[in-house]
N, C-alpha and C. Protein backbone atom coordinates (compact mmCIF):
# COMPACT_ATOMS: atom_id res chain seq x y z
N MET A 1 103.77 126.23 121.96
CA MET A 1 104.08 127.62 121.74
C MET A 1 103.02 128.21 120.81
N ALA A 2 102.45 129.33 121.20
CA ALA A 2 101.40 129.98 120.43
C ALA A 2 102.02 130.88 119.36
N LEU A 3 101.36 130.88 118.24
CA LEU A 3 101.79 131.74 117.15
C LEU A 3 101.19 133.13 117.35
N THR A 4 102.01 134.14 117.34
CA THR A 4 101.50 135.50 117.46
C THR A 4 101.88 136.27 116.20
N LEU A 5 100.94 137.00 115.68
CA LEU A 5 101.18 137.81 114.51
C LEU A 5 101.26 139.27 114.92
N ASN A 6 102.24 139.94 114.43
CA ASN A 6 102.39 141.36 114.72
C ASN A 6 101.84 142.14 113.53
N LEU A 7 100.52 142.32 113.51
CA LEU A 7 99.87 143.02 112.42
C LEU A 7 99.73 144.50 112.76
N PRO A 8 99.93 145.36 111.77
CA PRO A 8 99.77 146.79 112.05
C PRO A 8 98.30 147.13 112.23
N ASN A 9 98.05 148.21 112.91
CA ASN A 9 96.69 148.72 113.08
C ASN A 9 96.27 149.33 111.74
N ILE A 10 95.27 148.71 111.10
CA ILE A 10 94.86 149.18 109.78
C ILE A 10 93.66 150.13 109.84
N ALA A 11 93.15 150.41 111.03
CA ALA A 11 92.02 151.32 111.15
C ALA A 11 92.27 152.67 110.47
N PRO A 12 93.48 153.24 110.57
CA PRO A 12 93.71 154.52 109.89
C PRO A 12 93.51 154.44 108.38
N LEU A 13 93.77 153.29 107.78
CA LEU A 13 93.55 153.13 106.34
C LEU A 13 92.07 153.28 106.01
N PHE A 14 91.23 152.69 106.83
CA PHE A 14 89.79 152.76 106.57
C PHE A 14 89.25 154.15 106.88
N ASP A 15 89.87 154.86 107.82
CA ASP A 15 89.49 156.26 108.06
C ASP A 15 89.80 157.10 106.82
N LEU A 16 90.98 156.89 106.24
CA LEU A 16 91.35 157.61 105.02
C LEU A 16 90.43 157.24 103.86
N ALA A 17 90.10 155.96 103.75
CA ALA A 17 89.22 155.50 102.68
C ALA A 17 87.84 156.13 102.79
N GLU A 18 87.31 156.19 103.99
CA GLU A 18 86.01 156.83 104.19
C GLU A 18 86.09 158.32 103.88
N GLU A 19 87.18 158.96 104.27
CA GLU A 19 87.35 160.38 103.95
C GLU A 19 87.40 160.58 102.44
N TYR A 20 88.10 159.68 101.73
CA TYR A 20 88.17 159.76 100.27
C TYR A 20 86.76 159.74 99.67
N HIS A 21 85.95 158.77 100.08
CA HIS A 21 84.61 158.64 99.51
C HIS A 21 83.73 159.83 99.89
N TYR A 22 83.85 160.30 101.10
CA TYR A 22 83.07 161.46 101.52
C TYR A 22 83.42 162.69 100.69
N ARG A 23 84.71 162.97 100.58
CA ARG A 23 85.14 164.18 99.88
C ARG A 23 84.83 164.13 98.40
N THR A 24 85.02 162.96 97.79
CA THR A 24 84.74 162.88 96.35
C THR A 24 83.23 162.97 96.08
N GLU A 25 82.42 162.33 96.89
CA GLU A 25 80.98 162.40 96.67
C GLU A 25 80.46 163.81 96.96
N LYS A 26 80.99 164.46 97.97
CA LYS A 26 80.57 165.82 98.27
C LYS A 26 80.88 166.74 97.08
N TYR A 27 82.07 166.60 96.52
CA TYR A 27 82.43 167.39 95.34
C TYR A 27 81.52 167.03 94.16
N ASP A 28 81.32 165.75 93.94
CA ASP A 28 80.46 165.30 92.85
C ASP A 28 79.08 165.95 92.95
N ARG A 29 78.55 166.03 94.15
CA ARG A 29 77.21 166.60 94.35
C ARG A 29 77.18 168.11 94.13
N MET A 30 78.32 168.76 94.25
CA MET A 30 78.38 170.19 93.95
C MET A 30 78.48 170.44 92.44
N VAL A 31 79.09 169.51 91.72
CA VAL A 31 79.40 169.71 90.31
C VAL A 31 78.37 169.06 89.38
N CYS A 32 77.89 167.89 89.73
CA CYS A 32 77.06 167.10 88.81
C CYS A 32 75.59 167.52 88.84
N THR A 33 74.97 167.40 87.69
CA THR A 33 73.55 167.74 87.56
C THR A 33 72.72 166.53 87.17
N GLY A 34 73.33 165.35 87.17
CA GLY A 34 72.60 164.12 86.80
C GLY A 34 71.82 163.57 87.97
N GLU A 35 71.26 162.40 87.75
CA GLU A 35 70.45 161.76 88.78
C GLU A 35 71.32 160.99 89.77
N ILE A 36 70.75 160.69 90.92
CA ILE A 36 71.43 159.89 91.92
C ILE A 36 71.10 158.42 91.66
N ARG A 37 72.16 157.64 91.45
CA ARG A 37 72.01 156.20 91.23
C ARG A 37 73.04 155.47 92.09
N TYR A 38 72.62 154.35 92.64
CA TYR A 38 73.52 153.53 93.46
C TYR A 38 74.12 154.33 94.61
N GLY A 39 73.39 155.32 95.11
CA GLY A 39 73.85 156.11 96.24
C GLY A 39 74.75 157.28 95.90
N GLY A 40 75.07 157.45 94.62
CA GLY A 40 75.94 158.56 94.22
C GLY A 40 75.35 159.32 93.06
N ILE A 41 75.72 160.58 92.96
CA ILE A 41 75.21 161.40 91.86
C ILE A 41 76.01 161.11 90.60
N MET A 42 75.33 161.14 89.47
CA MET A 42 75.95 160.84 88.19
C MET A 42 76.21 162.14 87.41
N PRO A 43 77.34 162.19 86.71
CA PRO A 43 77.58 163.36 85.86
C PRO A 43 76.63 163.33 84.65
N ARG A 44 76.17 164.50 84.26
CA ARG A 44 75.27 164.60 83.11
C ARG A 44 76.05 164.88 81.83
N THR A 45 77.21 165.52 81.95
CA THR A 45 77.97 165.91 80.76
C THR A 45 79.41 165.41 80.86
N ASP A 46 80.10 165.43 79.72
CA ASP A 46 81.52 165.06 79.72
C ASP A 46 82.34 166.03 80.56
N HIS A 47 81.95 167.29 80.56
CA HIS A 47 82.66 168.28 81.36
C HIS A 47 82.56 167.95 82.85
N GLU A 48 81.36 167.59 83.30
CA GLU A 48 81.19 167.20 84.71
C GLU A 48 82.03 165.97 85.02
N ARG A 49 82.03 165.00 84.11
CA ARG A 49 82.82 163.78 84.31
C ARG A 49 84.31 164.11 84.42
N THR A 50 84.79 165.00 83.58
CA THR A 50 86.19 165.41 83.64
C THR A 50 86.52 166.06 84.98
N LEU A 51 85.65 166.95 85.43
CA LEU A 51 85.88 167.63 86.71
C LEU A 51 85.93 166.65 87.87
N ILE A 52 84.97 165.73 87.93
CA ILE A 52 84.95 164.82 89.08
C ILE A 52 86.10 163.82 89.02
N ASN A 53 86.53 163.42 87.81
CA ASN A 53 87.68 162.52 87.70
C ASN A 53 88.95 163.21 88.16
N LYS A 54 89.14 164.47 87.77
CA LYS A 54 90.32 165.20 88.22
C LYS A 54 90.33 165.34 89.74
N ASN A 55 89.18 165.63 90.32
CA ASN A 55 89.09 165.75 91.77
C ASN A 55 89.38 164.41 92.44
N ALA A 56 88.82 163.34 91.92
CA ALA A 56 89.04 162.01 92.52
C ALA A 56 90.52 161.64 92.50
N ILE A 57 91.20 161.95 91.41
CA ILE A 57 92.64 161.67 91.31
C ILE A 57 93.40 162.48 92.35
N LYS A 58 93.06 163.76 92.47
CA LYS A 58 93.74 164.64 93.44
C LYS A 58 93.54 164.13 94.87
N VAL A 59 92.31 163.78 95.21
CA VAL A 59 92.03 163.31 96.57
C VAL A 59 92.69 161.95 96.81
N ARG A 60 92.65 161.07 95.81
CA ARG A 60 93.30 159.76 95.95
C ARG A 60 94.80 159.92 96.17
N GLU A 61 95.43 160.82 95.42
CA GLU A 61 96.87 161.05 95.61
C GLU A 61 97.17 161.56 97.02
N GLU A 62 96.30 162.43 97.53
CA GLU A 62 96.49 162.91 98.90
C GLU A 62 96.36 161.77 99.90
N MET A 63 95.36 160.91 99.72
CA MET A 63 95.17 159.79 100.64
C MET A 63 96.37 158.83 100.58
N CYS A 64 96.90 158.61 99.38
CA CYS A 64 98.08 157.76 99.24
C CYS A 64 99.28 158.35 99.95
N ARG A 65 99.46 159.66 99.82
CA ARG A 65 100.57 160.34 100.50
C ARG A 65 100.42 160.22 102.02
N ARG A 66 99.21 160.48 102.50
CA ARG A 66 98.98 160.41 103.95
C ARG A 66 99.16 158.99 104.48
N ALA A 67 98.70 158.00 103.71
CA ALA A 67 98.89 156.60 104.12
C ALA A 67 100.38 156.27 104.17
N TRP A 68 101.13 156.73 103.15
CA TRP A 68 102.58 156.49 103.12
C TRP A 68 103.25 157.09 104.35
N GLU A 69 102.81 158.30 104.74
CA GLU A 69 103.38 158.95 105.92
C GLU A 69 103.08 158.16 107.20
N MET A 70 102.02 157.35 107.17
CA MET A 70 101.68 156.49 108.31
C MET A 70 102.37 155.13 108.22
N GLY A 71 103.10 154.91 107.13
CA GLY A 71 103.85 153.67 106.98
C GLY A 71 103.17 152.60 106.14
N PHE A 72 102.13 152.96 105.39
CA PHE A 72 101.42 151.98 104.56
C PHE A 72 101.77 152.17 103.09
N GLU A 73 101.94 151.06 102.40
CA GLU A 73 102.17 151.11 100.96
C GLU A 73 100.89 151.52 100.23
N GLN A 74 101.05 152.06 99.04
CA GLN A 74 99.92 152.54 98.26
C GLN A 74 98.88 151.45 98.01
N LYS A 75 99.32 150.24 97.77
CA LYS A 75 98.36 149.17 97.44
C LYS A 75 97.37 148.94 98.58
N TYR A 76 97.76 149.22 99.82
CA TYR A 76 96.87 148.99 100.95
C TYR A 76 95.78 150.07 101.06
N ILE A 77 96.14 151.32 100.82
CA ILE A 77 95.11 152.35 100.87
C ILE A 77 94.17 152.20 99.68
N LEU A 78 94.69 151.82 98.52
CA LEU A 78 93.82 151.61 97.36
C LEU A 78 92.85 150.46 97.60
N ALA A 79 93.32 149.41 98.26
CA ALA A 79 92.43 148.29 98.59
C ALA A 79 91.37 148.72 99.60
N ALA A 80 91.75 149.53 100.56
CA ALA A 80 90.78 150.03 101.55
C ALA A 80 89.74 150.93 100.89
N ILE A 81 90.18 151.79 99.97
CA ILE A 81 89.24 152.65 99.24
C ILE A 81 88.25 151.80 98.46
N LYS A 82 88.74 150.77 97.83
CA LYS A 82 87.86 149.88 97.06
C LYS A 82 86.87 149.17 97.98
N GLN A 83 87.35 148.65 99.10
CA GLN A 83 86.48 147.92 100.02
C GLN A 83 85.43 148.83 100.64
N VAL A 84 85.82 150.01 101.06
CA VAL A 84 84.86 150.95 101.66
C VAL A 84 83.83 151.38 100.61
N GLY A 85 84.25 151.49 99.37
CA GLY A 85 83.34 151.90 98.31
C GLY A 85 82.15 150.98 98.13
N VAL A 86 82.31 149.73 98.50
CA VAL A 86 81.22 148.76 98.37
C VAL A 86 80.10 149.06 99.36
N THR A 87 80.44 149.57 100.53
CA THR A 87 79.44 149.77 101.59
C THR A 87 79.20 151.24 101.93
N TYR A 88 79.90 152.14 101.26
CA TYR A 88 79.83 153.56 101.61
C TYR A 88 78.46 154.14 101.34
N GLU A 89 78.00 154.96 102.27
CA GLU A 89 76.73 155.67 102.12
C GLU A 89 76.97 157.13 102.47
N TYR A 90 76.78 158.01 101.50
CA TYR A 90 77.02 159.44 101.71
C TYR A 90 75.93 160.03 102.58
N ARG A 91 76.35 160.75 103.61
CA ARG A 91 75.41 161.47 104.48
C ARG A 91 76.02 162.83 104.76
N GLU A 92 75.46 163.84 104.17
CA GLU A 92 76.03 165.19 104.33
C GLU A 92 76.06 165.62 105.78
N GLU A 93 75.01 165.33 106.53
CA GLU A 93 74.93 165.82 107.89
C GLU A 93 75.82 165.06 108.87
N ASN A 94 76.24 163.86 108.54
CA ASN A 94 77.01 163.04 109.47
C ASN A 94 78.45 162.79 109.04
N GLU A 95 79.02 163.72 108.29
CA GLU A 95 80.35 163.49 107.76
C GLU A 95 80.32 162.27 106.86
N TYR A 96 80.95 161.17 107.24
CA TYR A 96 80.93 160.00 106.40
C TYR A 96 80.70 158.76 107.24
N THR A 97 80.19 157.73 106.59
CA THR A 97 79.89 156.50 107.31
C THR A 97 80.07 155.31 106.39
N SER A 98 80.43 154.21 106.96
CA SER A 98 80.58 152.97 106.22
C SER A 98 80.02 151.84 107.07
N ASN A 99 79.61 150.80 106.44
CA ASN A 99 79.06 149.65 107.17
C ASN A 99 80.11 148.59 107.43
N ILE A 100 81.38 148.94 107.35
CA ILE A 100 82.44 147.96 107.61
C ILE A 100 82.61 147.80 109.11
């Protein structure tokens, strides 16, 4: 008898995670005046850092809500956001992309 696992389709989690990184980096690039390091723009001032942190929290909460509506617990979307963050590359002209 073969073992079959009934795993949920997790692709929507990674779509949300990529959207999170795209939206937060796009906002960061509108607000921050620092240099680009590690593929992302850096805040130059504490005020810029505060603005981008507030935006990241707002977007993360939205992604968590949307994941919950799809039937996923918060820990899974947060793990997907973390994993996508390792390979994420911001491209303004192509929406968002990941190497996963």
